[in-house]
Amino acid sequence: MCLAIPGKIIAITEQLDETFRKGKVSFGGIIKEINLFMVPEAVVGNYVLVHVGVAINVVDEEEAKATFNYLKQMGEVEELDAPDSIPL
């Protein structure tokens, strides 16, 4: 099964133009560099669904947190249960 994981954009790190951008996204404290070209409207502070390193949709905070919690319950993001993890 393929999953899209919700995360919060914490920085735009590279921007060639309005479309081709990369950013840092936090997944419960784990930070990854993500391609933002499919969500040109996304800004720092937005929550996005990420699939294979690409943000595919902007979602609201409540939906992102609910989805993230479901994935944790399913054991899909167990590494984020560490005591030092930053909340989503």
PDB file of N, CA and C in Angstrom:
ATOM      1  N   MET A   1       0.847  -1.167   0.000  1.00  0.00           N
ATOM      2  CA  MET A   1       0.000   0.000   0.000  1.00  0.00           C
ATOM      3  C   MET A   1       0.893   1.232   0.000  1.00  0.00           C
ATOM      4  N   CYS A   2       0.515   2.241  -0.739  1.00  0.00           N
ATOM      5  CA  CYS A   2       1.222   3.519  -0.758  1.00  0.00           C
ATOM      6  C   CYS A   2       0.505   4.492   0.166  1.00  0.00           C
ATOM      7  N   LEU A   3       1.293   5.226   0.935  1.00  0.00           N
ATOM      8  CA  LEU A   3       0.718   6.179   1.870  1.00  0.00           C
ATOM      9  C   LEU A   3       1.228   7.584   1.594  1.00  0.00           C
ATOM     10  N   ALA A   4       0.390   8.541   1.862  1.00  0.00           N
ATOM     11  CA  ALA A   4       0.807   9.940   1.887  1.00  0.00           C
ATOM     12  C   ALA A   4       0.803  10.343   3.355  1.00  0.00           C
ATOM     13  N   ILE A   5       1.911  10.882   3.813  1.00  0.00           N
ATOM     14  CA  ILE A   5       2.082  11.229   5.219  1.00  0.00           C
ATOM     15  C   ILE A   5       1.938  12.738   5.389  1.00  0.00           C
ATOM     16  N   PRO A   6       1.145  13.192   6.357  1.00  0.00           N
ATOM     17  CA  PRO A   6       1.018  14.633   6.578  1.00  0.00           C
ATOM     18  C   PRO A   6       2.221  15.191   7.341  1.00  0.00           C
ATOM     19  N   GLY A   7       2.620  16.393   6.961  1.00  0.00           N
ATOM     20  CA  GLY A   7       3.706  17.083   7.647  1.00  0.00           C
ATOM     21  C   GLY A   7       3.509  18.579   7.534  1.00  0.00           C
ATOM     22  N   LYS A   8       4.282  19.315   8.327  1.00  0.00           N
ATOM     23  CA  LYS A   8       4.163  20.774   8.371  1.00  0.00           C
ATOM     24  C   LYS A   8       5.381  21.406   7.705  1.00  0.00           C
ATOM     25  N   ILE A   9       5.133  22.320   6.767  1.00  0.00           N
ATOM     26  CA  ILE A   9       6.233  23.024   6.104  1.00  0.00           C
ATOM     27  C   ILE A   9       6.853  23.989   7.121  1.00  0.00           C
ATOM     28  N   ILE A  10       8.155  23.821   7.355  1.00  0.00           N
ATOM     29  CA  ILE A  10       8.832  24.700   8.306  1.00  0.00           C
ATOM     30  C   ILE A  10       9.774  25.679   7.609  1.00  0.00           C
ATOM     31  N   ALA A  11      10.083  25.430   6.333  1.00  0.00           N
ATOM     32  CA  ALA A  11      10.956  26.352   5.590  1.00  0.00           C
ATOM     33  C   ALA A  11      10.863  26.069   4.101  1.00  0.00           C
ATOM     34  N   ILE A  12      10.967  27.121   3.312  1.00  0.00           N
ATOM     35  CA  ILE A  12      11.157  26.982   1.861  1.00  0.00           C
ATOM     36  C   ILE A  12      12.656  27.141   1.664  1.00  0.00           C
ATOM     37  N   THR A  13      13.318  26.110   1.149  1.00  0.00           N
ATOM     38  CA  THR A  13      14.772  26.110   1.098  1.00  0.00           C
ATOM     39  C   THR A  13      15.344  26.417  -0.276  1.00  0.00           C
ATOM     40  N   GLU A  14      14.543  26.223  -1.294  1.00  0.00           N
ATOM     41  CA  GLU A  14      15.025  26.433  -2.658  1.00  0.00           C
ATOM     42  C   GLU A  14      13.841  26.843  -3.516  1.00  0.00           C
ATOM     43  N   GLN A  15      14.026  27.864  -4.326  1.00  0.00           N
ATOM     44  CA  GLN A  15      12.925  28.312  -5.167  1.00  0.00           C
ATOM     45  C   GLN A  15      13.484  28.845  -6.487  1.00  0.00           C
ATOM     46  N   LEU A  16      13.239  28.093  -7.572  1.00  0.00           N
ATOM     47  CA  LEU A  16      13.665  28.543  -8.893  1.00  0.00           C
ATOM     48  C   LEU A  16      12.684  29.545  -9.474  1.00  0.00           C
ATOM     49  N   ASP A  17      11.404  29.329  -9.197  1.00  0.00           N
ATOM     50  CA  ASP A  17      10.332  30.231  -9.622  1.00  0.00           C
ATOM     51  C   ASP A  17       9.112  29.927  -8.760  1.00  0.00           C
ATOM     52  N   GLU A  18       7.932  30.377  -9.161  1.00  0.00           N
ATOM     53  CA  GLU A  18       6.716  30.157  -8.366  1.00  0.00           C
ATOM     54  C   GLU A  18       6.328  28.681  -8.267  1.00  0.00           C
ATOM     55  N   THR A  19       6.766  27.852  -9.219  1.00  0.00           N
ATOM     56  CA  THR A  19       6.362  26.448  -9.253  1.00  0.00           C
ATOM     57  C   THR A  19       7.421  25.517  -8.679  1.00  0.00           C
ATOM     58  N   PHE A  20       8.659  25.671  -9.068  1.00  0.00           N
ATOM     59  CA  PHE A  20       9.707  24.721  -8.695  1.00  0.00           C
ATOM     60  C   PHE A  20      10.375  25.145  -7.400  1.00  0.00           C
ATOM     61  N   ARG A  21       9.891  24.504  -6.292  1.00  0.00           N
ATOM     62  CA  ARG A  21      10.376  24.840  -4.958  1.00  0.00           C
ATOM     63  C   ARG A  21      10.622  23.569  -4.163  1.00  0.00           C
ATOM     64  N   LYS A  22      11.512  23.684  -3.206  1.00  0.00           N
ATOM     65  CA  LYS A  22      11.743  22.625  -2.230  1.00  0.00           C
ATOM     66  C   LYS A  22      11.621  23.245  -0.849  1.00  0.00           C
ATOM     67  N   GLY A  23      11.264  22.404   0.120  1.00  0.00           N
ATOM     68  CA  GLY A  23      11.133  22.905   1.473  1.00  0.00           C
ATOM     69  C   GLY A  23      11.414  21.834   2.495  1.00  0.00           C
ATOM     70  N   LYS A  24      11.604  22.271   3.735  1.00  0.00           N
ATOM     71  CA  LYS A  24      11.762  21.345   4.843  1.00  0.00           C
ATOM     72  C   LYS A  24      10.400  21.132   5.468  1.00  0.00           C
ATOM     73  N   VAL A  25      10.052  19.857   5.655  1.00  0.00           N
ATOM     74  CA  VAL A  25       8.762  19.486   6.221  1.00  0.00           C
ATOM     75  C   VAL A  25       9.008  18.628   7.457  1.00  0.00           C
ATOM     76  N   SER A  26       8.293  18.943   8.535  1.00  0.00           N
ATOM     77  CA  SER A  26       8.413  18.207   9.785  1.00  0.00           C
ATOM     78  C   SER A  26       7.315  17.151   9.872  1.00  0.00           C
ATOM     79  N   PHE A  27       7.743  15.929  10.122  1.00  0.00           N
ATOM     80  CA  PHE A  27       6.834  14.810  10.348  1.00  0.00           C
ATOM     81  C   PHE A  27       7.006  14.392  11.805  1.00  0.00           C
ATOM     82  N   GLY A  28       6.305  15.073  12.690  1.00  0.00           N
ATOM     83  CA  GLY A  28       6.415  14.760  14.102  1.00  0.00           C
ATOM     84  C   GLY A  28       7.819  14.940  14.649  1.00  0.00           C
ATOM     85  N   GLY A  29       8.571  15.868  14.089  1.00  0.00           N
ATOM     86  CA  GLY A  29       9.922  16.142  14.559  1.00  0.00           C
ATOM     87  C   GLY A  29      11.013  15.620  13.645  1.00  0.00           C
ATOM     88  N   ILE A  30      10.672  14.728  12.741  1.00  0.00           N
ATOM     89  CA  ILE A  30      11.633  14.263  11.741  1.00  0.00           C
ATOM     90  C   ILE A  30      11.522  15.200  10.550  1.00  0.00           C
ATOM     91  N   ILE A  31      12.638  15.833  10.184  1.00  0.00           N
ATOM     92  CA  ILE A  31      12.644  16.840   9.130  1.00  0.00           C
ATOM     93  C   ILE A  31      13.173  16.221   7.834  1.00  0.00           C
ATOM     94  N   LYS A  32      12.437  16.434   6.750  1.00  0.00           N
ATOM     95  CA  LYS A  32      12.832  15.937   5.426  1.00  0.00           C
ATOM     96  C   LYS A  32      12.744  17.062   4.409  1.00  0.00           C
ATOM     97  N   GLU A  33      13.625  17.010   3.410  1.00  0.00           N
ATOM     98  CA  GLU A  33      13.576  17.933   2.280  1.00  0.00           C
ATOM     99  C   GLU A  33      12.541  17.380   1.289  1.00  0.00           C
ATOM    100  N   ILE A  34      11.541  18.201   0.935  1.00  0.00           N
ATOM    101  CA  ILE A  34      10.410  17.757   0.125  1.00  0.00           C
ATOM    102  C   ILE A  34      10.251  18.663  -1.089  1.00  0.00           C
ATOM    103  N   ASN A  35       9.884  18.065  -2.220  1.00  0.00           N
ATOM    104  CA  ASN A  35       9.596  18.831  -3.429  1.00  0.00           C
ATOM    105  C   ASN A  35       8.181  19.399  -3.311  1.00  0.00           C
ATOM    106  N   LEU A  36       8.041  20.697  -3.553  1.00  0.00           N
ATOM    107  CA  LEU A  36       6.748  21.380  -3.406  1.00  0.00           C
ATOM    108  C   LEU A  36       6.125  21.792  -4.735  1.00  0.00           C
ATOM    109  N   PHE A  37       6.610  21.249  -5.854  1.00  0.00           N
ATOM    110  CA  PHE A  37       6.128  21.725  -7.158  1.00  0.00           C
ATOM    111  C   PHE A  37       4.652  21.454  -7.406  1.00  0.00           C
ATOM    112  N   MET A  38       4.064  20.461  -6.764  1.00  0.00           N
ATOM    113  CA  MET A  38       2.645  20.160  -7.001  1.00  0.00           C
ATOM    114  C   MET A  38       1.710  21.006  -6.137  1.00  0.00           C
ATOM    115  N   VAL A  39       2.274  21.774  -5.200  1.00  0.00           N
ATOM    116  CA  VAL A  39       1.466  22.625  -4.315  1.00  0.00           C
ATOM    117  C   VAL A  39       2.028  24.051  -4.324  1.00  0.00           C
ATOM    118  N   PRO A  40       1.932  24.740  -5.458  1.00  0.00           N
ATOM    119  CA  PRO A  40       2.521  26.087  -5.549  1.00  0.00           C
ATOM    120  C   PRO A  40       1.907  27.086  -4.572  1.00  0.00           C
ATOM    121  N   GLU A  41       0.719  26.793  -4.074  1.00  0.00           N
ATOM    122  CA  GLU A  41       0.042  27.692  -3.131  1.00  0.00           C
ATOM    123  C   GLU A  41       0.531  27.516  -1.697  1.00  0.00           C
ATOM    124  N   ALA A  42       1.278  26.456  -1.425  1.00  0.00           N
ATOM    125  CA  ALA A  42       1.707  26.141  -0.060  1.00  0.00           C
ATOM    126  C   ALA A  42       2.752  27.142   0.440  1.00  0.00           C
ATOM    127  N   VAL A  43       2.622  27.505   1.718  1.00  0.00           N
ATOM    128  CA  VAL A  43       3.552  28.426   2.360  1.00  0.00           C
ATOM    129  C   VAL A  43       4.009  27.830   3.687  1.00  0.00           C
ATOM    130  N   VAL A  44       5.044  28.421   4.265  1.00  0.00           N
ATOM    131  CA  VAL A  44       5.537  27.982   5.577  1.00  0.00           C
ATOM    132  C   VAL A  44       4.375  28.019   6.571  1.00  0.00           C
ATOM    133  N   GLY A  45       4.245  26.946   7.328  1.00  0.00           N
ATOM    134  CA  GLY A  45       3.160  26.824   8.304  1.00  0.00           C
ATOM    135  C   GLY A  45       2.012  25.966   7.811  1.00  0.00           C
ATOM    136  N   ASN A  46       1.916  25.762   6.485  1.00  0.00           N
ATOM    137  CA  ASN A  46       0.875  24.897   5.935  1.00  0.00           C
ATOM    138  C   ASN A  46       1.205  23.433   6.207  1.00  0.00           C
ATOM    139  N   TYR A  47       0.172  22.623   6.267  1.00  0.00           N
ATOM    140  CA  TYR A  47       0.315  21.176   6.358  1.00  0.00           C
ATOM    141  C   TYR A  47       0.092  20.602   4.971  1.00  0.00           C
ATOM    142  N   VAL A  48       0.936  19.622   4.601  1.00  0.00           N
ATOM    143  CA  VAL A  48       0.838  19.006   3.279  1.00  0.00           C
ATOM    144  C   VAL A  48       0.868  17.492   3.423  1.00  0.00           C
ATOM    145  N   LEU A  49       0.256  16.808   2.455  1.00  0.00           N
ATOM    146  CA  LEU A  49       0.381  15.356   2.361  1.00  0.00           C
ATOM    147  C   LEU A  49       1.552  15.077   1.444  1.00  0.00           C
ATOM    148  N   VAL A  50       2.466  14.205   1.893  1.00  0.00           N
ATOM    149  CA  VAL A  50       3.685  13.918   1.145  1.00  0.00           C
ATOM    150  C   VAL A  50       3.713  12.446   0.757  1.00  0.00           C
ATOM    151  N   HIS A  51       3.976  12.208  -0.516  1.00  0.00           N
ATOM    152  CA  HIS A  51       4.104  10.845  -1.048  1.00  0.00           C
ATOM    153  C   HIS A  51       5.411  10.773  -1.822  1.00  0.00           C
ATOM    154  N   VAL A  52       6.268   9.849  -1.466  1.00  0.00           N
ATOM    155  CA  VAL A  52       7.585   9.627  -2.075  1.00  0.00           C
ATOM    156  C   VAL A  52       8.366  10.921  -2.301  1.00  0.00           C
ATOM    157  N   GLY A  53       8.387  11.775  -1.289  1.00  0.00           N
ATOM    158  CA  GLY A  53       9.198  12.980  -1.341  1.00  0.00           C
ATOM    159  C   GLY A  53       8.589  14.169  -2.046  1.00  0.00           C
ATOM    160  N   VAL A  54       7.309  14.053  -2.406  1.00  0.00           N
ATOM    161  CA  VAL A  54       6.620  15.141  -3.109  1.00  0.00           C
ATOM    162  C   VAL A  54       5.341  15.490  -2.349  1.00  0.00           C
ATOM    163  N   ALA A  55       5.183  16.776  -2.039  1.00  0.00           N
ATOM    164  CA  ALA A  55       3.926  17.230  -1.433  1.00  0.00           C
ATOM    165  C   ALA A  55       2.855  17.208  -2.515  1.00  0.00           C
ATOM    166  N   ILE A  56       1.748  16.512  -2.246  1.00  0.00           N
ATOM    167  CA  ILE A  56       0.723  16.351  -3.282  1.00  0.00           C
ATOM    168  C   ILE A  56      -0.556  17.119  -2.996  1.00  0.00           C
ATOM    169  N   ASN A  57      -0.705  17.639  -1.762  1.00  0.00           N
ATOM    170  CA  ASN A  57      -1.928  18.346  -1.422  1.00  0.00           C
ATOM    171  C   ASN A  57      -1.723  19.141  -0.136  1.00  0.00           C
ATOM    172  N   VAL A  58      -2.343  20.300  -0.057  1.00  0.00           N
ATOM    173  CA  VAL A  58      -2.361  21.072   1.180  1.00  0.00           C
ATOM    174  C   VAL A  58      -3.596  20.633   1.963  1.00  0.00           C
ATOM    175  N   VAL A  59      -3.430  20.393   3.270  1.00  0.00           N
ATOM    176  CA  VAL A  59      -4.554  19.994   4.120  1.00  0.00           C
ATOM    177  C   VAL A  59      -4.596  20.897   5.346  1.00  0.00           C
ATOM    178  N   ASP A  60      -5.745  20.946   5.986  1.00  0.00           N
ATOM    179  CA  ASP A  60      -5.824  21.772   7.190  1.00  0.00           C
ATOM    180  C   ASP A  60      -5.179  21.031   8.366  1.00  0.00           C
ATOM    181  N   GLU A  61      -4.842  21.776   9.392  1.00  0.00           N
ATOM    182  CA  GLU A  61      -4.115  21.242  10.541  1.00  0.00           C
ATOM    183  C   GLU A  61      -4.861  20.100  11.219  1.00  0.00           C
ATOM    184  N   GLU A  62      -6.153  20.253  11.386  1.00  0.00           N
ATOM    185  CA  GLU A  62      -6.957  19.215  12.053  1.00  0.00           C
ATOM    186  C   GLU A  62      -6.915  17.905  11.267  1.00  0.00           C
ATOM    187  N   GLU A  63      -7.078  17.977   9.959  1.00  0.00           N
ATOM    188  CA  GLU A  63      -7.030  16.775   9.117  1.00  0.00           C
ATOM    189  C   GLU A  63      -5.637  16.140   9.162  1.00  0.00           C
ATOM    190  N   ALA A  64      -4.598  16.975   9.113  1.00  0.00           N
ATOM    191  CA  ALA A  64      -3.228  16.463   9.148  1.00  0.00           C
ATOM    192  C   ALA A  64      -2.968  15.707  10.440  1.00  0.00           C
ATOM    193  N   LYS A  65      -3.347  16.290  11.571  1.00  0.00           N
ATOM    194  CA  LYS A  65      -3.109  15.648  12.862  1.00  0.00           C
ATOM    195  C   LYS A  65      -3.917  14.363  13.016  1.00  0.00           C
ATOM    196  N   ALA A  66      -5.161  14.364  12.541  1.00  0.00           N
ATOM    197  CA  ALA A  66      -5.989  13.154  12.619  1.00  0.00           C
ATOM    198  C   ALA A  66      -5.380  12.037  11.776  1.00  0.00           C
ATOM    199  N   THR A  67      -4.961  12.363  10.562  1.00  0.00           N
ATOM    200  CA  THR A  67      -4.351  11.364   9.673  1.00  0.00           C
ATOM    201  C   THR A  67      -3.065  10.826  10.286  1.00  0.00           C
ATOM    202  N   PHE A  68      -2.222  11.730  10.813  1.00  0.00           N
ATOM    203  CA  PHE A  68      -0.964  11.333  11.427  1.00  0.00           C
ATOM    204  C   PHE A  68      -1.222  10.388  12.601  1.00  0.00           C
ATOM    205  N   ASN A  69      -2.215  10.694  13.426  1.00  0.00           N
ATOM    206  CA  ASN A  69      -2.553   9.835  14.565  1.00  0.00           C
ATOM    207  C   ASN A  69      -3.039   8.467  14.116  1.00  0.00           C
ATOM    208  N   TYR A  70      -3.833   8.403  13.039  1.00  0.00           N
ATOM    209  CA  TYR A  70      -4.281   7.110  12.498  1.00  0.00           C
ATOM    210  C   TYR A  70      -3.083   6.286  12.038  1.00  0.00           C
ATOM    211  N   LEU A  71      -2.136   6.928  11.366  1.00  0.00           N
ATOM    212  CA  LEU A  71      -0.956   6.212  10.888  1.00  0.00           C
ATOM    213  C   LEU A  71      -0.124   5.688  12.053  1.00  0.00           C
ATOM    214  N   LYS A  72      -0.018   6.469  13.128  1.00  0.00           N
ATOM    215  CA  LYS A  72       0.701   6.007  14.304  1.00  0.00           C
ATOM    216  C   LYS A  72       0.002   4.794  14.925  1.00  0.00           C
ATOM    217  N   GLN A  73      -1.326   4.837  14.987  1.00  0.00           N
ATOM    218  CA  GLN A  73      -2.083   3.719  15.550  1.00  0.00           C
ATOM    219  C   GLN A  73      -1.900   2.455  14.719  1.00  0.00           C
ATOM    220  N   MET A  74      -1.733   2.628  13.415  1.00  0.00           N
ATOM    221  CA  MET A  74      -1.527   1.488  12.514  1.00  0.00           C
ATOM    222  C   MET A  74      -0.085   0.990  12.536  1.00  0.00           C
ATOM    223  N   GLY A  75       0.798   1.705  13.231  1.00  0.00           N
ATOM    224  CA  GLY A  75       2.197   1.301  13.286  1.00  0.00           C
ATOM    225  C   GLY A  75       3.005   1.714  12.076  1.00  0.00           C
ATOM    226  N   GLU A  76       2.489   2.638  11.293  1.00  0.00           N
ATOM    227  CA  GLU A  76       3.173   3.066  10.077  1.00  0.00           C
ATOM    228  C   GLU A  76       4.238   4.128  10.336  1.00  0.00           C
ATOM    229  N   VAL A  77       4.205   4.772  11.492  1.00  0.00           N
ATOM    230  CA  VAL A  77       5.189   5.812  11.810  1.00  0.00           C
ATOM    231  C   VAL A  77       5.717   5.604  13.233  1.00  0.00           C
ATOM    232  N   GLU A  78       6.069   4.371  13.560  1.00  0.00           N
ATOM    233  CA  GLU A  78       6.504   4.026  14.911  1.00  0.00           C
ATOM    234  C   GLU A  78       7.731   4.804  15.356  1.00  0.00           C
ATOM    235  N   GLU A  79       8.642   5.125  14.418  1.00  0.00           N
ATOM    236  CA  GLU A  79       9.861   5.821  14.802  1.00  0.00           C
ATOM    237  C   GLU A  79       9.584   7.212  15.365  1.00  0.00           C
ATOM    238  N   LEU A  80       8.368   7.718  15.182  1.00  0.00           N
ATOM    239  CA  LEU A  80       8.021   9.047  15.689  1.00  0.00           C
ATOM    240  C   LEU A  80       7.469   8.995  17.110  1.00  0.00           C
ATOM    241  N   ASP A  81       7.450   7.825  17.725  1.00  0.00           N
ATOM    242  CA  ASP A  81       6.976   7.707  19.098  1.00  0.00           C
ATOM    243  C   ASP A  81       8.077   7.973  20.119  1.00  0.00           C
ATOM    244  N   ALA A  82       9.267   8.344  19.639  1.00  0.00           N
ATOM    245  CA  ALA A  82      10.379   8.613  20.557  1.00  0.00           C
ATOM    246  C   ALA A  82      10.013   9.747  21.495  1.00  0.00           C
ATOM    247  N   PRO A  83      10.468   9.717  22.746  1.00  0.00           N
ATOM    248  CA  PRO A  83      10.105  10.754  23.715  1.00  0.00           C
ATOM    249  C   PRO A  83      10.548  12.156  23.313  1.00  0.00           C
ATOM    250  N   ASP A  84      11.595  12.264  22.487  1.00  0.00           N
ATOM    251  CA  ASP A  84      12.088  13.585  22.100  1.00  0.00           C
ATOM    252  C   ASP A  84      11.477  14.089  20.800  1.00  0.00           C
ATOM    253  N   SER A  85      10.496  13.369  20.256  1.00  0.00           N
ATOM    254  CA  SER A  85       9.840  13.809  19.027  1.00  0.00           C
ATOM    255  C   SER A  85       9.046  15.081  19.257  1.00  0.00           C
ATOM    256  N   ILE A  86       9.111  15.969  18.310  1.00  0.00           N
ATOM    257  CA  ILE A  86       8.341  17.206  18.344  1.00  0.00           C
ATOM    258  C   ILE A  86       6.966  16.878  17.774  1.00  0.00           C
ATOM    259  N   PRO A  87       5.877  17.324  18.378  1.00  0.00           N
ATOM    260  CA  PRO A  87       4.552  17.034  17.840  1.00  0.00           C
ATOM    261  C   PRO A  87       4.374  17.594  16.440  1.00  0.00           C
ATOM    262  N   LEU A  88       3.472  16.993  15.681  1.00  0.00           N
ATOM    263  CA  LEU A  88       3.187  17.404  14.309  1.00  0.00           C
ATOM    264  C   LEU A  88       2.751  18.828  14.257  1.00  0.00           C
TER     265      LEU A  88
END
